Amino acid sequence: RAVEVWGMNYPGFGESTGPARLARIGPAAVTAFDELKRQTTGQPIVLFGASLGTAAALHVAAHRPVAGLILQNPPPLRQMILRQFGWWNLWLLAGPLSLQIPRNLDSIANSKAVHAPAIFLLAEKDEVVAPRYHRLVVDAYAGEKRVISLPGAYHNTPIEGAGLVDFHNALDWLLPKAKN
């Protein structure tokens, strides 16, 4: 498979300028996509996001026509904060904190709005985003999808072995569907 890969740094990360703020991620991702779309002149664009990057990819896909998505260990940020941290402080801290997550990074709402085909890569032993939270995003996703469980994998474990074979098979399913 011959593909061209483009990446972006969020504002305030890598060589990008400006302060690092959650509120800047969604708009920056849309701006990067729009520039990529202009540069590629009609080529299909498949978005990839890992962890927080899945929230940005889902935001773009909910607001722009994309050919497909590959999403690895997606966190539903609000739900994670409320469910994982709310109980021990009676939601007095978790509630207001969860409301500070920008609406454009609401992975559940964005998943419901996206109809492009997607591959989900889910680490079975994710220690950062518990697998039960991955499932909230997967279950909300409105488009056709393939879900690949990565047995024994942690949040940043490279995809290898049977998981890599499954991923290649899923790419064989996704790429022919990839049309902008």
N, C-alpha and C. Protein backbone atom coordinates (compact mmCIF):
# COMPACT_ATOMS: atom_id res chain seq x y z
N ARG A 1 0.84 -1.18 0.00
CA ARG A 1 0.00 0.00 0.00
C ARG A 1 0.88 1.24 0.00
N ALA A 2 0.66 2.11 -0.92
CA ALA A 2 1.38 3.37 -0.93
C ALA A 2 0.46 4.44 -0.34
N VAL A 3 0.91 5.04 0.73
CA VAL A 3 0.15 6.13 1.35
C VAL A 3 1.09 7.26 1.68
N GLU A 4 0.54 8.43 1.77
CA GLU A 4 1.29 9.60 2.21
C GLU A 4 0.76 9.95 3.59
N VAL A 5 1.65 10.16 4.55
CA VAL A 5 1.24 10.44 5.93
C VAL A 5 1.60 11.88 6.28
N TRP A 6 0.62 12.60 6.79
CA TRP A 6 0.82 13.95 7.29
C TRP A 6 0.51 13.93 8.77
N GLY A 7 1.18 14.75 9.53
CA GLY A 7 0.92 14.84 10.96
C GLY A 7 0.86 16.29 11.39
N MET A 8 0.37 16.50 12.58
CA MET A 8 0.32 17.86 13.12
C MET A 8 0.66 17.83 14.60
N ASN A 9 1.27 18.90 15.07
CA ASN A 9 1.46 19.11 16.50
C ASN A 9 0.35 20.05 16.96
N TYR A 10 -0.24 19.74 18.09
CA TYR A 10 -1.23 20.65 18.66
C TYR A 10 -0.53 21.95 19.02
N PRO A 11 -1.28 23.06 19.05
CA PRO A 11 -0.67 24.32 19.50
C PRO A 11 -0.02 24.14 20.88
N GLY A 12 1.23 24.60 20.97
CA GLY A 12 1.96 24.49 22.23
C GLY A 12 2.73 23.20 22.39
N PHE A 13 2.66 22.30 21.42
CA PHE A 13 3.38 21.03 21.48
C PHE A 13 4.37 20.95 20.32
N GLY A 14 5.44 20.19 20.52
CA GLY A 14 6.44 20.06 19.46
C GLY A 14 6.98 21.43 19.08
N GLU A 15 7.03 21.71 17.80
CA GLU A 15 7.52 23.00 17.30
C GLU A 15 6.40 24.02 17.15
N SER A 16 5.17 23.67 17.51
CA SER A 16 4.05 24.60 17.37
C SER A 16 4.14 25.70 18.41
N THR A 17 3.71 26.88 18.01
CA THR A 17 3.76 28.03 18.91
C THR A 17 2.46 28.18 19.68
N GLY A 18 2.49 29.06 20.65
CA GLY A 18 1.29 29.36 21.43
C GLY A 18 1.15 28.45 22.62
N PRO A 19 0.22 28.79 23.50
CA PRO A 19 0.03 27.98 24.71
C PRO A 19 -0.70 26.68 24.40
N ALA A 20 -0.38 25.66 25.17
CA ALA A 20 -1.07 24.37 25.04
C ALA A 20 -2.39 24.47 25.79
N ARG A 21 -3.49 24.39 25.06
CA ARG A 21 -4.82 24.47 25.65
C ARG A 21 -5.73 23.47 24.95
N LEU A 22 -6.53 22.76 25.71
CA LEU A 22 -7.50 21.84 25.11
C LEU A 22 -8.40 22.57 24.11
N ALA A 23 -8.79 23.77 24.43
CA ALA A 23 -9.72 24.53 23.57
C ALA A 23 -9.13 24.81 22.19
N ARG A 24 -7.83 24.73 22.04
CA ARG A 24 -7.19 25.03 20.76
C ARG A 24 -7.03 23.79 19.88
N ILE A 25 -7.21 22.60 20.45
CA ILE A 25 -6.96 21.37 19.69
C ILE A 25 -7.96 21.19 18.55
N GLY A 26 -9.25 21.27 18.83
CA GLY A 26 -10.26 21.06 17.80
C GLY A 26 -10.12 22.02 16.63
N PRO A 27 -10.09 23.34 16.88
CA PRO A 27 -9.93 24.27 15.77
C PRO A 27 -8.62 24.07 14.99
N ALA A 28 -7.54 23.75 15.69
CA ALA A 28 -6.26 23.52 15.00
C ALA A 28 -6.35 22.29 14.11
N ALA A 29 -7.04 21.26 14.56
CA ALA A 29 -7.19 20.04 13.76
C ALA A 29 -8.00 20.32 12.50
N VAL A 30 -9.06 21.10 12.61
CA VAL A 30 -9.86 21.46 11.44
C VAL A 30 -9.03 22.29 10.47
N THR A 31 -8.27 23.24 10.98
CA THR A 31 -7.41 24.06 10.12
C THR A 31 -6.38 23.20 9.40
N ALA A 32 -5.76 22.27 10.11
CA ALA A 32 -4.79 21.37 9.49
C ALA A 32 -5.45 20.52 8.41
N PHE A 33 -6.65 20.01 8.70
CA PHE A 33 -7.37 19.20 7.72
C PHE A 33 -7.68 20.03 6.47
N ASP A 34 -8.18 21.24 6.68
CA ASP A 34 -8.53 22.09 5.53
C ASP A 34 -7.32 22.36 4.65
N GLU A 35 -6.16 22.58 5.27
CA GLU A 35 -4.94 22.80 4.49
C GLU A 35 -4.52 21.52 3.76
N LEU A 36 -4.62 20.41 4.44
CA LEU A 36 -4.31 19.12 3.81
C LEU A 36 -5.23 18.88 2.62
N LYS A 37 -6.50 19.14 2.79
CA LYS A 37 -7.48 18.95 1.72
C LYS A 37 -7.11 19.82 0.52
N ARG A 38 -6.70 21.05 0.79
CA ARG A 38 -6.30 21.96 -0.28
C ARG A 38 -5.06 21.42 -1.02
N GLN A 39 -4.12 20.86 -0.27
CA GLN A 39 -2.87 20.36 -0.84
C GLN A 39 -3.07 19.07 -1.64
N THR A 40 -4.00 18.23 -1.22
CA THR A 40 -4.13 16.90 -1.82
C THR A 40 -5.04 16.87 -3.04
N THR A 41 -5.73 17.92 -3.31
CA THR A 41 -6.58 18.05 -4.50
C THR A 41 -7.36 16.78 -4.83
N GLY A 42 -8.26 16.42 -3.95
CA GLY A 42 -9.18 15.33 -4.24
C GLY A 42 -8.78 13.95 -3.78
N GLN A 43 -7.59 13.78 -3.26
CA GLN A 43 -7.19 12.47 -2.75
C GLN A 43 -7.99 12.14 -1.49
N PRO A 44 -8.33 10.86 -1.29
CA PRO A 44 -9.04 10.51 -0.06
C PRO A 44 -8.15 10.72 1.17
N ILE A 45 -8.76 11.19 2.24
CA ILE A 45 -8.03 11.45 3.48
C ILE A 45 -8.61 10.57 4.57
N VAL A 46 -7.76 9.71 5.12
CA VAL A 46 -8.11 8.87 6.26
C VAL A 46 -7.41 9.46 7.47
N LEU A 47 -8.19 9.79 8.49
CA LEU A 47 -7.62 10.38 9.70
C LEU A 47 -7.16 9.30 10.66
N PHE A 48 -6.05 9.55 11.34
CA PHE A 48 -5.57 8.67 12.40
C PHE A 48 -5.44 9.49 13.66
N GLY A 49 -5.88 8.91 14.76
CA GLY A 49 -5.68 9.54 16.05
C GLY A 49 -5.42 8.48 17.09
N ALA A 50 -4.51 8.77 18.00
CA ALA A 50 -4.24 7.89 19.13
C ALA A 50 -4.53 8.67 20.40
N SER A 51 -5.23 8.05 21.32
CA SER A 51 -5.56 8.64 22.61
C SER A 51 -6.25 9.98 22.41
N LEU A 52 -5.71 11.07 22.95
CA LEU A 52 -6.34 12.38 22.81
C LEU A 52 -6.51 12.76 21.34
N GLY A 53 -5.62 12.28 20.50
CA GLY A 53 -5.73 12.56 19.07
C GLY A 53 -7.01 12.02 18.45
N THR A 54 -7.61 11.00 19.07
CA THR A 54 -8.88 10.49 18.54
C THR A 54 -9.99 11.52 18.71
N ALA A 55 -9.94 12.29 19.80
CA ALA A 55 -10.96 13.33 20.01
C ALA A 55 -10.85 14.39 18.91
N ALA A 56 -9.62 14.76 18.55
CA ALA A 56 -9.42 15.72 17.47
C ALA A 56 -9.88 15.14 16.14
N ALA A 57 -9.54 13.89 15.86
CA ALA A 57 -9.94 13.25 14.60
C ALA A 57 -11.46 13.15 14.50
N LEU A 58 -12.11 12.77 15.58
CA LEU A 58 -13.57 12.67 15.57
C LEU A 58 -14.21 14.05 15.38
N HIS A 59 -13.63 15.08 15.96
CA HIS A 59 -14.14 16.44 15.77
C HIS A 59 -14.06 16.82 14.29
N VAL A 60 -12.92 16.57 13.67
CA VAL A 60 -12.77 16.89 12.25
C VAL A 60 -13.78 16.10 11.44
N ALA A 61 -13.88 14.80 11.69
CA ALA A 61 -14.77 13.94 10.90
C ALA A 61 -16.24 14.31 11.09
N ALA A 62 -16.58 14.89 12.22
CA ALA A 62 -17.96 15.31 12.45
C ALA A 62 -18.29 16.61 11.70
N HIS A 63 -17.24 17.32 11.25
CA HIS A 63 -17.46 18.62 10.61
C HIS A 63 -16.90 18.73 9.19
N ARG A 64 -16.22 17.71 8.74
CA ARG A 64 -15.66 17.72 7.39
C ARG A 64 -15.84 16.32 6.78
N PRO A 65 -15.96 16.25 5.44
CA PRO A 65 -16.05 14.92 4.81
C PRO A 65 -14.69 14.24 4.81
N VAL A 66 -14.59 13.10 5.47
CA VAL A 66 -13.36 12.33 5.49
C VAL A 66 -13.63 10.96 4.88
N ALA A 67 -12.58 10.32 4.39
CA ALA A 67 -12.74 9.02 3.75
C ALA A 67 -12.82 7.89 4.76
N GLY A 68 -12.24 8.08 5.93
CA GLY A 68 -12.25 7.05 6.96
C GLY A 68 -11.43 7.50 8.14
N LEU A 69 -11.45 6.67 9.18
CA LEU A 69 -10.71 6.97 10.40
C LEU A 69 -10.05 5.71 10.93
N ILE A 70 -8.92 5.89 11.59
CA ILE A 70 -8.26 4.85 12.38
C ILE A 70 -8.07 5.46 13.76
N LEU A 71 -8.72 4.86 14.75
CA LEU A 71 -8.76 5.44 16.10
C LEU A 71 -8.21 4.44 17.10
N GLN A 72 -7.17 4.83 17.81
CA GLN A 72 -6.50 3.94 18.76
C GLN A 72 -6.71 4.45 20.19
N ASN A 73 -7.33 3.62 21.00
CA ASN A 73 -7.56 3.89 22.43
C ASN A 73 -8.27 5.23 22.67
N PRO A 74 -9.49 5.38 22.13
CA PRO A 74 -10.19 6.67 22.24
C PRO A 74 -10.72 6.94 23.64
N PRO A 75 -10.41 8.13 24.20
CA PRO A 75 -10.96 8.49 25.50
C PRO A 75 -12.19 9.38 25.37
N PRO A 76 -13.29 9.03 26.02
CA PRO A 76 -14.39 9.98 26.15
C PRO A 76 -14.09 10.84 27.38
N LEU A 77 -13.47 11.97 27.18
CA LEU A 77 -12.87 12.75 28.27
C LEU A 77 -13.84 13.08 29.40
N ARG A 78 -15.00 13.63 29.07
CA ARG A 78 -15.96 14.00 30.12
C ARG A 78 -16.37 12.79 30.94
N GLN A 79 -16.73 11.72 30.26
CA GLN A 79 -17.21 10.52 30.96
C GLN A 79 -16.11 9.92 31.83
N MET A 80 -14.87 9.95 31.35
CA MET A 80 -13.76 9.43 32.15
C MET A 80 -13.60 10.23 33.43
N ILE A 81 -13.62 11.54 33.31
CA ILE A 81 -13.45 12.39 34.49
C ILE A 81 -14.56 12.13 35.49
N LEU A 82 -15.79 12.11 35.01
CA LEU A 82 -16.93 11.93 35.92
C LEU A 82 -16.94 10.56 36.57
N ARG A 83 -16.77 9.52 35.76
CA ARG A 83 -16.91 8.16 36.28
C ARG A 83 -15.69 7.68 37.06
N GLN A 84 -14.52 8.11 36.62
CA GLN A 84 -13.31 7.61 37.26
C GLN A 84 -12.92 8.43 38.50
N PHE A 85 -13.23 9.72 38.47
CA PHE A 85 -12.76 10.57 39.56
C PHE A 85 -13.88 11.22 40.37
N GLY A 86 -15.11 11.12 39.91
CA GLY A 86 -16.21 11.78 40.60
C GLY A 86 -16.59 11.18 41.93
N TRP A 87 -16.54 9.88 42.05
CA TRP A 87 -17.06 9.20 43.24
C TRP A 87 -16.35 9.62 44.51
N TRP A 88 -15.03 9.81 44.48
CA TRP A 88 -14.30 10.07 45.71
C TRP A 88 -14.40 11.51 46.19
N ASN A 89 -14.91 12.41 45.32
CA ASN A 89 -15.09 13.80 45.76
C ASN A 89 -16.54 14.23 45.63
N LEU A 90 -17.42 13.21 45.60
CA LEU A 90 -18.87 13.45 45.46
C LEU A 90 -19.19 14.35 44.26
N TRP A 91 -18.38 14.24 43.23
CA TRP A 91 -18.55 14.96 41.97
C TRP A 91 -18.42 16.47 42.13
N LEU A 92 -18.00 16.95 43.30
CA LEU A 92 -17.85 18.40 43.52
C LEU A 92 -16.69 18.97 42.70
N LEU A 93 -15.64 18.19 42.51
CA LEU A 93 -14.52 18.62 41.68
C LEU A 93 -14.65 18.10 40.25
N ALA A 94 -15.06 16.83 40.13
CA ALA A 94 -15.11 16.20 38.81
C ALA A 94 -16.18 16.83 37.92
N GLY A 95 -17.31 17.21 38.50
CA GLY A 95 -18.38 17.81 37.70
C GLY A 95 -17.93 19.09 37.02
N PRO A 96 -17.48 20.09 37.78
CA PRO A 96 -17.01 21.33 37.14
C PRO A 96 -15.82 21.11 36.21
N LEU A 97 -14.91 20.20 36.58
CA LEU A 97 -13.76 19.92 35.72
C LEU A 97 -14.21 19.33 34.39
N SER A 98 -15.15 18.40 34.42
CA SER A 98 -15.62 17.78 33.18
C SER A 98 -16.30 18.79 32.27
N LEU A 99 -16.93 19.80 32.85
CA LEU A 99 -17.58 20.83 32.05
C LEU A 99 -16.58 21.75 31.35
N GLN A 100 -15.32 21.69 31.76
CA GLN A 100 -14.29 22.50 31.12
C GLN A 100 -13.73 21.85 29.85
N ILE A 101 -14.09 20.58 29.63
CA ILE A 101 -13.66 19.92 28.39
C ILE A 101 -14.41 20.59 27.24
N PRO A 102 -13.71 21.10 26.24
CA PRO A 102 -14.41 21.76 25.12
C PRO A 102 -15.41 20.82 24.45
N ARG A 103 -16.55 21.36 24.10
CA ARG A 103 -17.60 20.55 23.45
C ARG A 103 -17.09 19.92 22.15
N ASN A 104 -16.18 20.60 21.47
CA ASN A 104 -15.71 20.04 20.20
C ASN A 104 -14.83 18.81 20.40
N LEU A 105 -14.44 18.51 21.64
CA LEU A 105 -13.67 17.29 21.92
C LEU A 105 -14.54 16.22 22.59
N ASP A 106 -15.85 16.36 22.48
CA ASP A 106 -16.78 15.37 23.03
C ASP A 106 -16.82 14.17 22.08
N SER A 107 -16.05 13.15 22.39
CA SER A 107 -15.92 11.99 21.50
C SER A 107 -17.23 11.24 21.32
N ILE A 108 -18.07 11.22 22.34
CA ILE A 108 -19.35 10.51 22.22
C ILE A 108 -20.25 11.25 21.22
N ALA A 109 -20.43 12.55 21.41
CA ALA A 109 -21.28 13.33 20.50
C ALA A 109 -20.73 13.29 19.08
N ASN A 110 -19.42 13.46 18.93
CA ASN A 110 -18.83 13.44 17.60
C ASN A 110 -18.96 12.06 16.96
N SER A 111 -18.81 10.99 17.73
CA SER A 111 -18.96 9.63 17.19
C SER A 111 -20.34 9.41 16.61
N LYS A 112 -21.34 9.97 17.26
CA LYS A 112 -22.72 9.82 16.79
C LYS A 112 -22.96 10.55 15.47
N ALA A 113 -22.11 11.53 15.15
CA ALA A 113 -22.28 12.34 13.95
C ALA A 113 -21.44 11.86 12.77
N VAL A 114 -20.55 10.90 12.98
CA VAL A 114 -19.63 10.47 11.92
C VAL A 114 -20.14 9.18 11.28
N HIS A 115 -20.17 9.19 9.93
CA HIS A 115 -20.64 8.02 9.19
C HIS A 115 -19.57 7.41 8.29
N ALA A 116 -18.37 7.94 8.32
CA ALA A 116 -17.26 7.37 7.54
C ALA A 116 -16.85 6.04 8.17
N PRO A 117 -16.33 5.11 7.37
CA PRO A 117 -15.86 3.84 7.94
C PRO A 117 -14.66 4.06 8.86
N ALA A 118 -14.57 3.23 9.90
CA ALA A 118 -13.50 3.41 10.89
C ALA A 118 -12.95 2.09 11.36
N ILE A 119 -11.69 2.12 11.71
CA ILE A 119 -11.02 1.01 12.40
C ILE A 119 -10.72 1.50 13.81
N PHE A 120 -11.11 0.71 14.80
CA PHE A 120 -10.80 1.00 16.19
C PHE A 120 -9.76 0.00 16.67
N LEU A 121 -8.67 0.50 17.22
CA LEU A 121 -7.60 -0.32 17.79
C LEU A 121 -7.66 -0.14 19.30
N LEU A 122 -7.97 -1.21 20.03
CA LEU A 122 -8.23 -1.10 21.46
C LEU A 122 -7.27 -1.96 22.27
N ALA A 123 -6.45 -1.31 23.08
CA ALA A 123 -5.50 -2.01 23.95
C ALA A 123 -6.25 -2.66 25.11
N GLU A 124 -6.11 -3.96 25.21
CA GLU A 124 -6.84 -4.73 26.22
C GLU A 124 -6.46 -4.36 27.65
N LYS A 125 -5.21 -3.96 27.86
CA LYS A 125 -4.73 -3.64 29.21
C LYS A 125 -4.36 -2.16 29.33
N ASP A 126 -5.08 -1.32 28.62
CA ASP A 126 -4.79 0.12 28.63
C ASP A 126 -4.85 0.64 30.06
N GLU A 127 -3.75 1.19 30.53
CA GLU A 127 -3.67 1.71 31.89
C GLU A 127 -3.95 3.21 31.96
N VAL A 128 -4.11 3.86 30.80
CA VAL A 128 -4.40 5.29 30.75
C VAL A 128 -5.89 5.53 30.52
N VAL A 129 -6.43 4.86 29.51
CA VAL A 129 -7.86 4.94 29.18
C VAL A 129 -8.42 3.53 29.36
N ALA A 130 -9.14 3.31 30.44
CA ALA A 130 -9.66 1.97 30.71
C ALA A 130 -10.50 1.48 29.53
N PRO A 131 -10.35 0.21 29.15
CA PRO A 131 -11.08 -0.32 28.00
C PRO A 131 -12.59 -0.08 28.04
N ARG A 132 -13.19 -0.01 29.21
CA ARG A 132 -14.64 0.25 29.27
C ARG A 132 -14.96 1.63 28.69
N TYR A 133 -14.02 2.56 28.76
CA TYR A 133 -14.24 3.88 28.17
C TYR A 133 -14.06 3.85 26.66
N HIS A 134 -13.13 3.05 26.17
CA HIS A 134 -13.00 2.87 24.71
C HIS A 134 -14.36 2.47 24.14
N ARG A 135 -14.99 1.51 24.83
CA ARG A 135 -16.26 0.94 24.33
C ARG A 135 -17.35 1.99 24.23
N LEU A 136 -17.35 2.98 25.10
CA LEU A 136 -18.36 4.04 25.00
C LEU A 136 -18.26 4.76 23.65
N VAL A 137 -17.05 5.01 23.21
CA VAL A 137 -16.85 5.69 21.93
C VAL A 137 -17.21 4.75 20.78
N VAL A 138 -16.74 3.51 20.85
CA VAL A 138 -17.04 2.53 19.81
C VAL A 138 -18.54 2.34 19.67
N ASP A 139 -19.22 2.16 20.78
CA ASP A 139 -20.66 1.91 20.74
C ASP A 139 -21.45 3.11 20.21
N ALA A 140 -20.95 4.32 20.42
CA ALA A 140 -21.64 5.52 19.94
C ALA A 140 -21.39 5.77 18.46
N TYR A 141 -20.36 5.16 17.90
CA TYR A 141 -19.95 5.46 16.53
C TYR A 141 -21.04 5.09 15.53
N ALA A 142 -21.44 6.06 14.69
CA ALA A 142 -22.55 5.85 13.76
C ALA A 142 -22.14 5.18 12.46
N GLY A 143 -20.89 5.25 12.10
CA GLY A 143 -20.45 4.68 10.84
C GLY A 143 -20.13 3.20 10.94
N GLU A 144 -19.87 2.62 9.77
CA GLU A 144 -19.44 1.23 9.73
C GLU A 144 -18.07 1.14 10.39
N LYS A 145 -17.82 0.06 11.11
CA LYS A 145 -16.57 -0.02 11.86
C LYS A 145 -16.05 -1.44 11.96
N ARG A 146 -14.76 -1.52 12.15
CA ARG A 146 -14.07 -2.76 12.49
C ARG A 146 -13.35 -2.49 13.80
N VAL A 147 -13.50 -3.40 14.75
CA VAL A 147 -12.89 -3.24 16.07
C VAL A 147 -11.83 -4.31 16.23
N ILE A 148 -10.63 -3.88 16.54
CA ILE A 148 -9.52 -4.80 16.73
C ILE A 148 -9.07 -4.70 18.18
N SER A 149 -9.24 -5.79 18.90
CA SER A 149 -8.76 -5.87 20.27
C SER A 149 -7.30 -6.28 20.23
N LEU A 150 -6.50 -5.61 21.03
CA LEU A 150 -5.07 -5.90 21.08
C LEU A 150 -4.76 -6.57 22.41
N PRO A 151 -4.83 -7.91 22.45
CA PRO A 151 -4.63 -8.65 23.70
C PRO A 151 -3.25 -8.37 24.30
N GLY A 152 -3.24 -8.13 25.60
CA GLY A 152 -1.99 -7.91 26.31
C GLY A 152 -1.37 -6.54 26.10
N ALA A 153 -1.98 -5.71 25.25
CA ALA A 153 -1.40 -4.40 24.93
C ALA A 153 -1.78 -3.36 25.98
N TYR A 154 -0.82 -2.49 26.26
CA TYR A 154 -1.04 -1.33 27.11
C TYR A 154 -1.25 -0.10 26.22
N HIS A 155 -1.43 1.05 26.82
CA HIS A 155 -1.80 2.26 26.08
C HIS A 155 -0.83 2.57 24.93
N ASN A 156 0.46 2.43 25.16
CA ASN A 156 1.45 2.79 24.14
C ASN A 156 2.19 1.60 23.56
N THR A 157 1.65 0.40 23.72
CA THR A 157 2.28 -0.79 23.16
C THR A 157 2.20 -0.75 21.63
N PRO A 158 3.31 -0.99 20.94
CA PRO A 158 3.25 -1.05 19.47
C PRO A 158 2.34 -2.19 19.02
N ILE A 159 1.72 -2.00 17.87
CA ILE A 159 0.87 -3.04 17.30
C ILE A 159 1.78 -4.05 16.62
N GLU A 160 1.66 -5.31 17.04
CA GLU A 160 2.52 -6.35 16.48
C GLU A 160 1.79 -7.69 16.54
N GLY A 161 2.41 -8.70 15.95
CA GLY A 161 1.86 -10.05 16.00
C GLY A 161 0.48 -10.15 15.36
N ALA A 162 -0.41 -10.88 16.03
CA ALA A 162 -1.77 -11.09 15.51
C ALA A 162 -2.52 -9.78 15.36
N GLY A 163 -2.27 -8.82 16.26
CA GLY A 163 -2.92 -7.52 16.16
C GLY A 163 -2.55 -6.79 14.88
N LEU A 164 -1.29 -6.92 14.47
CA LEU A 164 -0.84 -6.28 13.25
C LEU A 164 -1.48 -6.94 12.03
N VAL A 165 -1.59 -8.26 12.06
CA VAL A 165 -2.27 -8.99 10.97
C VAL A 165 -3.72 -8.53 10.88
N ASP A 166 -4.39 -8.44 12.02
CA ASP A 166 -5.78 -7.98 12.05
C ASP A 166 -5.89 -6.55 11.52
N PHE A 167 -4.93 -5.71 11.88
CA PHE A 167 -4.94 -4.33 11.40
C PHE A 167 -4.77 -4.29 9.89
N HIS A 168 -3.86 -5.07 9.34
CA HIS A 168 -3.68 -5.11 7.88
C HIS A 168 -4.95 -5.58 7.19
N ASN A 169 -5.61 -6.58 7.75
CA ASN A 169 -6.88 -7.05 7.18
C ASN A 169 -7.94 -5.95 7.24
N ALA A 170 -7.97 -5.21 8.34
CA ALA A 170 -8.93 -4.11 8.46
C ALA A 170 -8.61 -3.00 7.45
N LEU A 171 -7.33 -2.74 7.20
CA LEU A 171 -6.96 -1.76 6.18
C LEU A 171 -7.44 -2.21 4.80
N ASP A 172 -7.34 -3.53 4.53
CA ASP A 172 -7.85 -4.06 3.27
C ASP A 172 -9.35 -3.83 3.13
N TRP A 173 -10.06 -3.79 4.25
CA TRP A 173 -11.49 -3.49 4.26
C TRP A 173 -11.72 -1.98 4.10
N LEU A 174 -10.94 -1.16 4.82
CA LEU A 174 -11.16 0.29 4.86
C LEU A 174 -10.76 1.01 3.57
N LEU A 175 -9.58 0.74 3.07
CA LEU A 175 -9.04 1.55 1.98
C LEU A 175 -9.89 1.54 0.72
N PRO A 176 -10.49 0.41 0.31
CA PRO A 176 -11.38 0.48 -0.86
C PRO A 176 -12.62 1.35 -0.63
N LYS A 177 -13.02 1.50 0.62
CA LYS A 177 -14.18 2.33 0.95
C LYS A 177 -13.81 3.81 1.03
N ALA A 178 -12.53 4.11 1.08
CA ALA A 178 -12.05 5.47 1.34
C ALA A 178 -12.29 6.37 0.13
N LYS A 179 -13.34 7.15 0.24
CA LYS A 179 -13.68 8.12 -0.80
C LYS A 179 -14.08 9.41 -0.11
N ASN A 180 -13.53 10.52 -0.56
CA ASN A 180 -13.93 11.83 0.00
C ASN A 180 -15.08 12.39 -0.80
